[in-house]
Amino acid sequence: MVGITDFALFALLGIGAGTLAGMLGIGGGMVIVPGLFYLFSLMDLPSYSLMHLAAGSAMCIMIFTSASSTFSHHMRGDVHWDIFSRIIAAIGIGVLIGNLLSNHLDTNWLEIIFGVFLLVVSIKILLNWKPQFEETTQPPLGLVAIVGTLIGFKSGILGIGGGAISVPFLLYCGLPMSKASGTSASFTLPIAIVGTLSFLLFSQGYTDIAWATGYIYWPAVALVAPFTVLGAPIGTKLSHVISPNQLRRIFGLLLVVIGLRMFSGGLQFLA
């Protein structure tokens, strides 16, 4: 079970992930998944399911994180619910497809895929890349369907929110950064709900770990989720205070370190 040190580490992970979720409009999964992966390895949970447990537990935790973040952004008027209503169905379909595929991938391959994904995102953040298109708050329905499916698929296979795709997409739609972050946070709540149900219903036969249902490890959810809820409103307030460029650089460098570590770790076990 979980000791005092584990409890403290879970709490720190929750506060950090929740704060980043509120600041950047992400679900926190880019921090929670690798954080849980390393904490689970310290707890000597079965190595064959570490990434799957991290992804499934992160999805469940994100229900609480994204609900708190979405509410905070909504109260500030930063959520475009019209865009949300047009994209939600495609996101749900993508999550289901991604989750079903992840059940059939080895945990080391998932670690490598996640590491590569973080490195790509970190480069994009550090270079401050953003698409340059005409401003519009009503993108074509076909584009919404494609982007929504991609957001959901990436979230379902990696156990993370959709901010890495949805924030640039919302900037393309002409939203300012604060509203792009807020609307992206609203996408993460249905992603987390559908993803959690998928991990519960479709992963039952893949693990027999105590205190886990499918790929959701309940002690981690119980210890991390409350602290993400506390951190999200803090992050929302900070998003209106901290220099965006400074925040972008810090977060980008953090993702470089985590991405390289996960990519090299996955390769090591496959070698």
C-alpha atoms as a PDB file:
ATOM      1  CA  MET A   1       0.000   0.000   0.000  1.00  0.00           C
ATOM      2  CA  VAL A   2       0.934   3.680   0.165  1.00  0.00           C
ATOM      3  CA  GLY A   3       3.409   4.959   2.766  1.00  0.00           C
ATOM      4  CA  ILE A   4       3.983   8.472   4.129  1.00  0.00           C
ATOM      5  CA  THR A   5       6.619   9.281   1.497  1.00  0.00           C
ATOM      6  CA  ASP A   6       4.362   8.015  -1.284  1.00  0.00           C
ATOM      7  CA  PHE A   7       1.511  10.143   0.063  1.00  0.00           C
ATOM      8  CA  ALA A   8       3.685  13.282   0.009  1.00  0.00           C
ATOM      9  CA  LEU A   9       4.852  12.567  -3.547  1.00  0.00           C
ATOM     10  CA  PHE A  10       1.275  11.951  -4.736  1.00  0.00           C
ATOM     11  CA  ALA A  11       0.201  15.243  -3.115  1.00  0.00           C
ATOM     12  CA  LEU A  12       3.026  17.203  -4.790  1.00  0.00           C
ATOM     13  CA  LEU A  13       2.164  15.612  -8.125  1.00  0.00           C
ATOM     14  CA  GLY A  14      -1.469  16.612  -7.714  1.00  0.00           C
ATOM     15  CA  ILE A  15      -0.752  20.241  -6.806  1.00  0.00           C
ATOM     16  CA  GLY A  16       1.718  20.612  -9.679  1.00  0.00           C
ATOM     17  CA  ALA A  17      -0.545  18.996 -12.264  1.00  0.00           C
ATOM     18  CA  GLY A  18      -3.603  20.948 -11.143  1.00  0.00           C
ATOM     19  CA  THR A  19      -1.760  24.265 -11.273  1.00  0.00           C
ATOM     20  CA  LEU A  20      -0.443  23.559 -14.776  1.00  0.00           C
ATOM     21  CA  ALA A  21      -3.918  22.464 -15.880  1.00  0.00           C
ATOM     22  CA  GLY A  22      -5.401  25.759 -14.758  1.00  0.00           C
ATOM     23  CA  MET A  23      -2.625  27.847 -16.313  1.00  0.00           C
ATOM     24  CA  LEU A  24      -2.381  26.121 -19.693  1.00  0.00           C
ATOM     25  CA  GLY A  25      -5.840  24.649 -20.329  1.00  0.00           C
ATOM     26  CA  ILE A  26      -4.468  21.085 -20.323  1.00  0.00           C
ATOM     27  CA  GLY A  27      -5.795  18.110 -18.391  1.00  0.00           C
ATOM     28  CA  GLY A  28      -2.582  17.704 -16.438  1.00  0.00           C
ATOM     29  CA  GLY A  29      -1.947  14.288 -17.977  1.00  0.00           C
ATOM     30  CA  MET A  30       1.390  15.325 -19.502  1.00  0.00           C
ATOM     31  CA  VAL A  31       2.601  15.632 -15.906  1.00  0.00           C
ATOM     32  CA  ILE A  32       0.375  13.079 -14.135  1.00  0.00           C
ATOM     33  CA  VAL A  33       1.112  10.119 -16.444  1.00  0.00           C
ATOM     34  CA  PRO A  34       4.930  10.229 -16.175  1.00  0.00           C
ATOM     35  CA  GLY A  35       4.628  11.155 -12.483  1.00  0.00           C
ATOM     36  CA  LEU A  36       2.440   8.136 -11.739  1.00  0.00           C
ATOM     37  CA  PHE A  37       4.668   5.931 -13.898  1.00  0.00           C
ATOM     38  CA  TYR A  38       7.700   6.671 -11.729  1.00  0.00           C
ATOM     39  CA  LEU A  39       5.770   6.522  -8.450  1.00  0.00           C
ATOM     40  CA  PHE A  40       4.297   3.148  -9.412  1.00  0.00           C
ATOM     41  CA  SER A  41       7.776   1.869 -10.248  1.00  0.00           C
ATOM     42  CA  LEU A  42       8.979   2.986  -6.796  1.00  0.00           C
ATOM     43  CA  MET A  43       6.051   1.083  -5.270  1.00  0.00           C
ATOM     44  CA  ASP A  44       7.132  -2.089  -7.113  1.00  0.00           C
ATOM     45  CA  LEU A  45       3.876  -2.517  -8.999  1.00  0.00           C
ATOM     46  CA  PRO A  46       4.125  -5.046 -11.875  1.00  0.00           C
ATOM     47  CA  SER A  47       6.370  -3.602 -14.592  1.00  0.00           C
ATOM     48  CA  TYR A  48       4.294  -5.082 -17.426  1.00  0.00           C
ATOM     49  CA  SER A  49       1.403  -2.709 -16.671  1.00  0.00           C
ATOM     50  CA  LEU A  50       3.059   0.478 -15.365  1.00  0.00           C
ATOM     51  CA  MET A  51       2.189   2.705 -18.333  1.00  0.00           C
ATOM     52  CA  HIS A  52      -1.304   1.283 -18.624  1.00  0.00           C
ATOM     53  CA  LEU A  53      -1.956   1.883 -14.912  1.00  0.00           C
ATOM     54  CA  ALA A  54      -0.505   5.390 -15.168  1.00  0.00           C
ATOM     55  CA  ALA A  55      -2.680   6.243 -18.189  1.00  0.00           C
ATOM     56  CA  GLY A  56      -5.875   4.777 -16.724  1.00  0.00           C
ATOM     57  CA  SER A  57      -5.401   6.361 -13.301  1.00  0.00           C
ATOM     58  CA  ALA A  58      -4.504   9.709 -14.892  1.00  0.00           C
ATOM     59  CA  MET A  59      -7.724   9.632 -16.911  1.00  0.00           C
ATOM     60  CA  CYS A  60      -9.777   9.149 -13.758  1.00  0.00           C
ATOM     61  CA  ILE A  61      -7.873  11.891 -11.912  1.00  0.00           C
ATOM     62  CA  MET A  62      -8.462  14.262 -14.826  1.00  0.00           C
ATOM     63  CA  ILE A  63     -12.220  14.106 -14.226  1.00  0.00           C
ATOM     64  CA  PHE A  64     -11.667  16.075 -11.029  1.00  0.00           C
ATOM     65  CA  THR A  65      -8.885  18.279 -12.412  1.00  0.00           C
ATOM     66  CA  SER A  66     -10.751  19.295 -15.543  1.00  0.00           C
ATOM     67  CA  ALA A  67     -14.045  19.846 -13.700  1.00  0.00           C
ATOM     68  CA  SER A  68     -12.328  22.286 -11.341  1.00  0.00           C
ATOM     69  CA  SER A  69     -10.376  23.956 -14.161  1.00  0.00           C
ATOM     70  CA  THR A  70     -13.427  24.225 -16.444  1.00  0.00           C
ATOM     71  CA  PHE A  71     -15.544  25.759 -13.685  1.00  0.00           C
ATOM     72  CA  SER A  72     -12.820  28.303 -12.876  1.00  0.00           C
ATOM     73  CA  HIS A  73     -12.450  29.284 -16.552  1.00  0.00           C
ATOM     74  CA  HIS A  74     -16.239  29.388 -17.044  1.00  0.00           C
ATOM     75  CA  MET A  75     -16.627  31.816 -14.147  1.00  0.00           C
ATOM     76  CA  ARG A  76     -14.122  34.102 -15.904  1.00  0.00           C
ATOM     77  CA  GLY A  77     -16.021  33.814 -19.213  1.00  0.00           C
ATOM     78  CA  ASP A  78     -13.181  31.939 -20.923  1.00  0.00           C
ATOM     79  CA  VAL A  79     -15.129  28.922 -22.287  1.00  0.00           C
ATOM     80  CA  HIS A  80     -16.671  28.957 -25.784  1.00  0.00           C
ATOM     81  CA  TRP A  81     -19.485  26.439 -25.299  1.00  0.00           C
ATOM     82  CA  ASP A  82     -20.592  26.717 -28.937  1.00  0.00           C
ATOM     83  CA  ILE A  83     -17.298  25.200 -30.105  1.00  0.00           C
ATOM     84  CA  PHE A  84     -17.503  22.600 -27.324  1.00  0.00           C
ATOM     85  CA  SER A  85     -20.947  21.426 -28.493  1.00  0.00           C
ATOM     86  CA  ARG A  86     -19.730  20.972 -32.089  1.00  0.00           C
ATOM     87  CA  ILE A  87     -16.622  18.925 -31.283  1.00  0.00           C
ATOM     88  CA  ILE A  88     -17.635  16.737 -28.329  1.00  0.00           C
ATOM     89  CA  ALA A  89     -19.015  13.759 -30.325  1.00  0.00           C
ATOM     90  CA  ALA A  90     -15.852  13.397 -32.427  1.00  0.00           C
ATOM     91  CA  ILE A  91     -13.674  13.604 -29.306  1.00  0.00           C
ATOM     92  CA  GLY A  92     -15.637  10.790 -27.652  1.00  0.00           C
ATOM     93  CA  ILE A  93     -15.226   8.502 -30.682  1.00  0.00           C
ATOM     94  CA  GLY A  94     -11.488   9.211 -30.811  1.00  0.00           C
ATOM     95  CA  VAL A  95     -11.048   8.407 -27.101  1.00  0.00           C
ATOM     96  CA  LEU A  96     -12.717   5.007 -27.497  1.00  0.00           C
ATOM     97  CA  ILE A  97     -10.544   4.080 -30.484  1.00  0.00           C
ATOM     98  CA  GLY A  98      -7.342   5.171 -28.741  1.00  0.00           C
ATOM     99  CA  ASN A  99      -8.199   3.348 -25.536  1.00  0.00           C
ATOM    100  CA  LEU A 100      -8.990   0.082 -27.311  1.00  0.00           C
ATOM    101  CA  LEU A 101      -5.671   0.265 -29.186  1.00  0.00           C
ATOM    102  CA  SER A 102      -3.670   0.998 -26.003  1.00  0.00           C
ATOM    103  CA  ASN A 103      -4.907  -2.249 -24.421  1.00  0.00           C
ATOM    104  CA  HIS A 104      -2.993  -4.189 -27.078  1.00  0.00           C
ATOM    105  CA  LEU A 105       0.296  -2.259 -26.861  1.00  0.00           C
ATOM    106  CA  ASP A 106       3.227  -3.289 -24.656  1.00  0.00           C
ATOM    107  CA  THR A 107       3.887  -0.877 -21.761  1.00  0.00           C
ATOM    108  CA  ASN A 108       7.413  -0.134 -23.067  1.00  0.00           C
ATOM    109  CA  TRP A 109       6.063   0.870 -26.472  1.00  0.00           C
ATOM    110  CA  LEU A 110       3.570   3.141 -24.752  1.00  0.00           C
ATOM    111  CA  GLU A 111       6.456   4.693 -22.807  1.00  0.00           C
ATOM    112  CA  ILE A 112       8.372   5.360 -26.051  1.00  0.00           C
ATOM    113  CA  ILE A 113       5.298   6.794 -27.814  1.00  0.00           C
ATOM    114  CA  PHE A 114       4.604   9.039 -24.837  1.00  0.00           C
ATOM    115  CA  GLY A 115       8.230  10.207 -24.714  1.00  0.00           C
ATOM    116  CA  VAL A 116       8.251  11.074 -28.423  1.00  0.00           C
ATOM    117  CA  PHE A 117       4.945  12.907 -28.053  1.00  0.00           C
ATOM    118  CA  LEU A 118       6.299  15.023 -25.180  1.00  0.00           C
ATOM    119  CA  LEU A 119       9.450  15.885 -27.139  1.00  0.00           C
ATOM    120  CA  VAL A 120       7.401  17.037 -30.146  1.00  0.00           C
ATOM    121  CA  VAL A 121       5.136  19.139 -27.925  1.00  0.00           C
ATOM    122  CA  SER A 122       8.115  20.625 -26.055  1.00  0.00           C
ATOM    123  CA  ILE A 123       9.799  21.718 -29.301  1.00  0.00           C
ATOM    124  CA  LYS A 124       6.575  23.339 -30.457  1.00  0.00           C
ATOM    125  CA  ILE A 125       6.218  25.160 -27.134  1.00  0.00           C
ATOM    126  CA  LEU A 126       9.842  26.337 -26.970  1.00  0.00           C
ATOM    127  CA  LEU A 127       9.749  27.603 -30.564  1.00  0.00           C
ATOM    128  CA  ASN A 128       6.419  29.305 -29.814  1.00  0.00           C
ATOM    129  CA  TRP A 129       4.959  27.788 -32.960  1.00  0.00           C
ATOM    130  CA  LYS A 130       1.354  28.573 -33.704  1.00  0.00           C
ATOM    131  CA  PRO A 131      -0.601  28.255 -36.947  1.00  0.00           C
ATOM    132  CA  GLN A 132      -1.375  31.428 -38.828  1.00  0.00           C
ATOM    133  CA  PHE A 133      -4.844  31.349 -40.365  1.00  0.00           C
ATOM    134  CA  GLU A 134      -7.722  33.710 -40.760  1.00  0.00           C
ATOM    135  CA  GLU A 135      -9.616  34.362 -37.569  1.00  0.00           C
ATOM    136  CA  THR A 136     -12.928  32.535 -37.250  1.00  0.00           C
ATOM    137  CA  THR A 137     -14.871  31.195 -34.281  1.00  0.00           C
ATOM    138  CA  GLN A 138     -16.914  28.815 -36.459  1.00  0.00           C
ATOM    139  CA  PRO A 139     -14.501  26.426 -38.234  1.00  0.00           C
ATOM    140  CA  PRO A 140     -15.966  24.039 -40.858  1.00  0.00           C
ATOM    141  CA  LEU A 141     -17.762  21.030 -39.386  1.00  0.00           C
ATOM    142  CA  GLY A 142     -15.543  18.592 -41.301  1.00  0.00           C
ATOM    143  CA  LEU A 143     -12.412  20.142 -39.796  1.00  0.00           C
ATOM    144  CA  VAL A 144     -13.997  20.047 -36.349  1.00  0.00           C
ATOM    145  CA  ALA A 145     -14.714  16.320 -36.771  1.00  0.00           C
ATOM    146  CA  ILE A 146     -11.142  15.525 -37.867  1.00  0.00           C
ATOM    147  CA  VAL A 147      -9.509  17.578 -35.112  1.00  0.00           C
ATOM    148  CA  GLY A 148     -11.911  16.250 -32.476  1.00  0.00           C
ATOM    149  CA  THR A 149     -11.161  12.636 -33.418  1.00  0.00           C
ATOM    150  CA  LEU A 150      -7.398  13.312 -33.291  1.00  0.00           C
ATOM    151  CA  ILE A 151      -7.717  14.961 -29.875  1.00  0.00           C
ATOM    152  CA  GLY A 152      -9.717  12.021 -28.538  1.00  0.00           C
ATOM    153  CA  PHE A 153      -7.480   9.357 -30.086  1.00  0.00           C
ATOM    154  CA  LYS A 154      -4.296  10.866 -28.677  1.00  0.00           C
ATOM    155  CA  SER A 155      -5.952  11.217 -25.269  1.00  0.00           C
ATOM    156  CA  GLY A 156      -7.312   7.667 -25.288  1.00  0.00           C
ATOM    157  CA  ILE A 157      -4.032   5.982 -26.194  1.00  0.00           C
ATOM    158  CA  LEU A 158      -1.814   8.061 -23.849  1.00  0.00           C
ATOM    159  CA  GLY A 159      -4.180   8.846 -20.974  1.00  0.00           C
ATOM    160  CA  ILE A 160      -3.785  12.618 -21.243  1.00  0.00           C
ATOM    161  CA  GLY A 161      -5.939  15.624 -22.072  1.00  0.00           C
ATOM    162  CA  GLY A 162      -6.181  17.203 -25.489  1.00  0.00           C
ATOM    163  CA  GLY A 163      -4.461  20.543 -24.867  1.00  0.00           C
ATOM    164  CA  ALA A 164      -1.457  19.906 -27.118  1.00  0.00           C
ATOM    165  CA  ILE A 165      -3.792  19.754 -30.134  1.00  0.00           C
ATOM    166  CA  SER A 166      -6.857  21.666 -28.972  1.00  0.00           C
ATOM    167  CA  VAL A 167      -5.089  24.867 -27.839  1.00  0.00           C
ATOM    168  CA  PRO A 168      -3.358  25.438 -31.241  1.00  0.00           C
ATOM    169  CA  PHE A 169      -6.653  24.565 -32.972  1.00  0.00           C
ATOM    170  CA  LEU A 170      -8.557  27.091 -30.868  1.00  0.00           C
ATOM    171  CA  LEU A 171      -5.913  29.734 -31.572  1.00  0.00           C
ATOM    172  CA  TYR A 172      -6.540  28.977 -35.250  1.00  0.00           C
ATOM    173  CA  CYS A 173     -10.223  29.636 -34.581  1.00  0.00           C
ATOM    174  CA  GLY A 174      -9.237  33.160 -33.547  1.00  0.00           C
ATOM    175  CA  LEU A 175      -9.596  32.790 -29.778  1.00  0.00           C
ATOM    176  CA  PRO A 176      -7.156  34.687 -27.523  1.00  0.00           C
ATOM    177  CA  MET A 177      -4.885  32.524 -25.360  1.00  0.00           C
ATOM    178  CA  SER A 178      -7.005  32.846 -22.199  1.00  0.00           C
ATOM    179  CA  LYS A 179     -10.152  31.680 -24.018  1.00  0.00           C
ATOM    180  CA  ALA A 180      -8.257  28.969 -25.914  1.00  0.00           C
ATOM    181  CA  SER A 181      -6.998  27.597 -22.586  1.00  0.00           C
ATOM    182  CA  GLY A 182     -10.453  27.792 -21.016  1.00  0.00           C
ATOM    183  CA  THR A 183     -12.233  26.107 -23.924  1.00  0.00           C
ATOM    184  CA  SER A 184      -9.523  23.444 -24.131  1.00  0.00           C
ATOM    185  CA  ALA A 185     -10.077  22.700 -20.446  1.00  0.00           C
ATOM    186  CA  SER A 186     -13.767  22.073 -21.188  1.00  0.00           C
ATOM    187  CA  PHE A 187     -12.785  19.457 -23.806  1.00  0.00           C
ATOM    188  CA  THR A 188     -10.803  17.529 -21.201  1.00  0.00           C
ATOM    189  CA  LEU A 189     -13.773  16.769 -18.939  1.00  0.00           C
ATOM    190  CA  PRO A 190     -15.659  14.564 -21.450  1.00  0.00           C
ATOM    191  CA  ILE A 191     -12.320  13.066 -22.539  1.00  0.00           C
ATOM    192  CA  ALA A 192     -11.651  12.058 -18.941  1.00  0.00           C
ATOM    193  CA  ILE A 193     -15.150  10.655 -18.381  1.00  0.00           C
ATOM    194  CA  VAL A 194     -15.237   8.582 -21.580  1.00  0.00           C
ATOM    195  CA  GLY A 195     -11.617   7.491 -21.110  1.00  0.00           C
ATOM    196  CA  THR A 196     -12.213   6.382 -17.516  1.00  0.00           C
ATOM    197  CA  LEU A 197     -15.281   4.366 -18.492  1.00  0.00           C
ATOM    198  CA  SER A 198     -13.264   2.762 -21.289  1.00  0.00           C
ATOM    199  CA  PHE A 199     -10.410   1.805 -18.943  1.00  0.00           C
ATOM    200  CA  LEU A 200     -12.943   0.374 -16.486  1.00  0.00           C
ATOM    201  CA  LEU A 201     -15.072  -1.569 -18.962  1.00  0.00           C
ATOM    202  CA  PHE A 202     -12.537  -2.744 -21.538  1.00  0.00           C
ATOM    203  CA  SER A 203      -9.448  -3.412 -19.386  1.00  0.00           C
ATOM    204  CA  GLN A 204     -10.849  -5.748 -16.731  1.00  0.00           C
ATOM    205  CA  GLY A 205      -9.061  -8.852 -18.001  1.00  0.00           C
ATOM    206  CA  TYR A 206      -5.628  -7.253 -18.366  1.00  0.00           C
ATOM    207  CA  THR A 207      -4.586  -6.866 -14.725  1.00  0.00           C
ATOM    208  CA  ASP A 208      -5.179  -8.475 -11.323  1.00  0.00           C
ATOM    209  CA  ILE A 209      -3.413  -5.865  -9.177  1.00  0.00           C
ATOM    210  CA  ALA A 210      -4.829  -5.261  -5.690  1.00  0.00           C
ATOM    211  CA  TRP A 211      -6.776  -2.003  -5.288  1.00  0.00           C
ATOM    212  CA  ALA A 212      -7.088  -1.660  -9.070  1.00  0.00           C
ATOM    213  CA  THR A 213     -10.091  -2.003 -11.354  1.00  0.00           C
ATOM    214  CA  GLY A 214      -8.892  -2.606 -14.867  1.00  0.00           C
ATOM    215  CA  TYR A 215      -6.116  -0.058 -15.329  1.00  0.00           C
ATOM    216  CA  ILE A 216      -7.317   2.372 -12.662  1.00  0.00           C
ATOM    217  CA  TYR A 217      -5.321   2.251  -9.410  1.00  0.00           C
ATOM    218  CA  TRP A 218      -7.688   3.707  -6.831  1.00  0.00           C
ATOM    219  CA  PRO A 219      -5.172   4.721  -4.105  1.00  0.00           C
ATOM    220  CA  ALA A 220      -3.454   7.003  -6.647  1.00  0.00           C
ATOM    221  CA  VAL A 221      -6.783   8.504  -7.712  1.00  0.00           C
ATOM    222  CA  ALA A 222      -7.830   9.103  -4.099  1.00  0.00           C
ATOM    223  CA  LEU A 223      -4.525  10.766  -3.187  1.00  0.00           C
ATOM    224  CA  VAL A 224      -3.796  12.829  -6.312  1.00  0.00           C
ATOM    225  CA  ALA A 225      -7.266  14.011  -7.397  1.00  0.00           C
ATOM    226  CA  PRO A 226      -8.069  16.244  -4.374  1.00  0.00           C
ATOM    227  CA  PHE A 227      -4.783  18.101  -4.769  1.00  0.00           C
ATOM    228  CA  THR A 228      -5.327  18.674  -8.509  1.00  0.00           C
ATOM    229  CA  VAL A 229      -8.686  20.237  -7.628  1.00  0.00           C
ATOM    230  CA  LEU A 230      -6.908  22.568  -5.207  1.00  0.00           C
ATOM    231  CA  GLY A 231      -4.228  23.430  -7.758  1.00  0.00           C
ATOM    232  CA  ALA A 232      -6.473  24.170 -10.767  1.00  0.00           C
ATOM    233  CA  PRO A 233      -7.986  27.455  -9.483  1.00  0.00           C
ATOM    234  CA  ILE A 234      -4.489  28.619  -8.486  1.00  0.00           C
ATOM    235  CA  GLY A 235      -3.297  27.956 -12.039  1.00  0.00           C
ATOM    236  CA  THR A 236      -6.293  29.766 -13.519  1.00  0.00           C
ATOM    237  CA  LYS A 237      -5.444  32.889 -11.517  1.00  0.00           C
ATOM    238  CA  LEU A 238      -1.750  32.623 -12.396  1.00  0.00           C
ATOM    239  CA  SER A 239      -2.633  32.395 -16.117  1.00  0.00           C
ATOM    240  CA  HIS A 240      -3.745  36.038 -15.888  1.00  0.00           C
ATOM    241  CA  VAL A 241      -0.629  37.124 -13.976  1.00  0.00           C
ATOM    242  CA  ILE A 242       2.509  35.268 -15.132  1.00  0.00           C
ATOM    243  CA  SER A 243       4.239  36.266 -18.371  1.00  0.00           C
ATOM    244  CA  PRO A 244       3.114  33.787 -21.068  1.00  0.00           C
ATOM    245  CA  ASN A 245       6.621  33.619 -22.558  1.00  0.00           C
ATOM    246  CA  GLN A 246       8.216  32.820 -19.214  1.00  0.00           C
ATOM    247  CA  LEU A 247       5.640  30.143 -18.472  1.00  0.00           C
ATOM    248  CA  ARG A 248       6.032  28.674 -21.961  1.00  0.00           C
ATOM    249  CA  ARG A 249       9.801  28.290 -21.593  1.00  0.00           C
ATOM    250  CA  ILE A 250       9.602  26.645 -18.159  1.00  0.00           C
ATOM    251  CA  PHE A 251       6.935  24.191 -19.241  1.00  0.00           C
ATOM    252  CA  GLY A 252       8.699  23.397 -22.510  1.00  0.00           C
ATOM    253  CA  LEU A 253      11.984  22.577 -20.747  1.00  0.00           C
ATOM    254  CA  LEU A 254      10.150  20.396 -18.235  1.00  0.00           C
ATOM    255  CA  LEU A 255       8.605  18.391 -21.063  1.00  0.00           C
ATOM    256  CA  VAL A 256      12.014  17.962 -22.735  1.00  0.00           C
ATOM    257  CA  VAL A 257      13.444  16.388 -19.576  1.00  0.00           C
ATOM    258  CA  ILE A 258      10.440  14.113 -19.008  1.00  0.00           C
ATOM    259  CA  GLY A 259      10.189  13.145 -22.684  1.00  0.00           C
ATOM    260  CA  LEU A 260      13.862  12.195 -22.986  1.00  0.00           C
ATOM    261  CA  ARG A 261      13.702  10.164 -19.782  1.00  0.00           C
ATOM    262  CA  MET A 262      10.632   8.190 -20.859  1.00  0.00           C
ATOM    263  CA  PHE A 263      11.864   7.630 -24.410  1.00  0.00           C
ATOM    264  CA  SER A 264      15.276   6.348 -23.259  1.00  0.00           C
ATOM    265  CA  GLY A 265      13.672   4.239 -20.536  1.00  0.00           C
ATOM    266  CA  GLY A 266      11.362   2.511 -22.991  1.00  0.00           C
ATOM    267  CA  LEU A 267      14.209   1.820 -25.410  1.00  0.00           C
ATOM    268  CA  GLN A 268      16.316   0.377 -22.600  1.00  0.00           C
ATOM    269  CA  PHE A 269      13.721  -2.248 -21.717  1.00  0.00           C
ATOM    270  CA  LEU A 270      13.067  -3.137 -25.364  1.00  0.00           C
ATOM    271  CA  ALA A 271      16.787  -3.538 -26.136  1.00  0.00           C
END
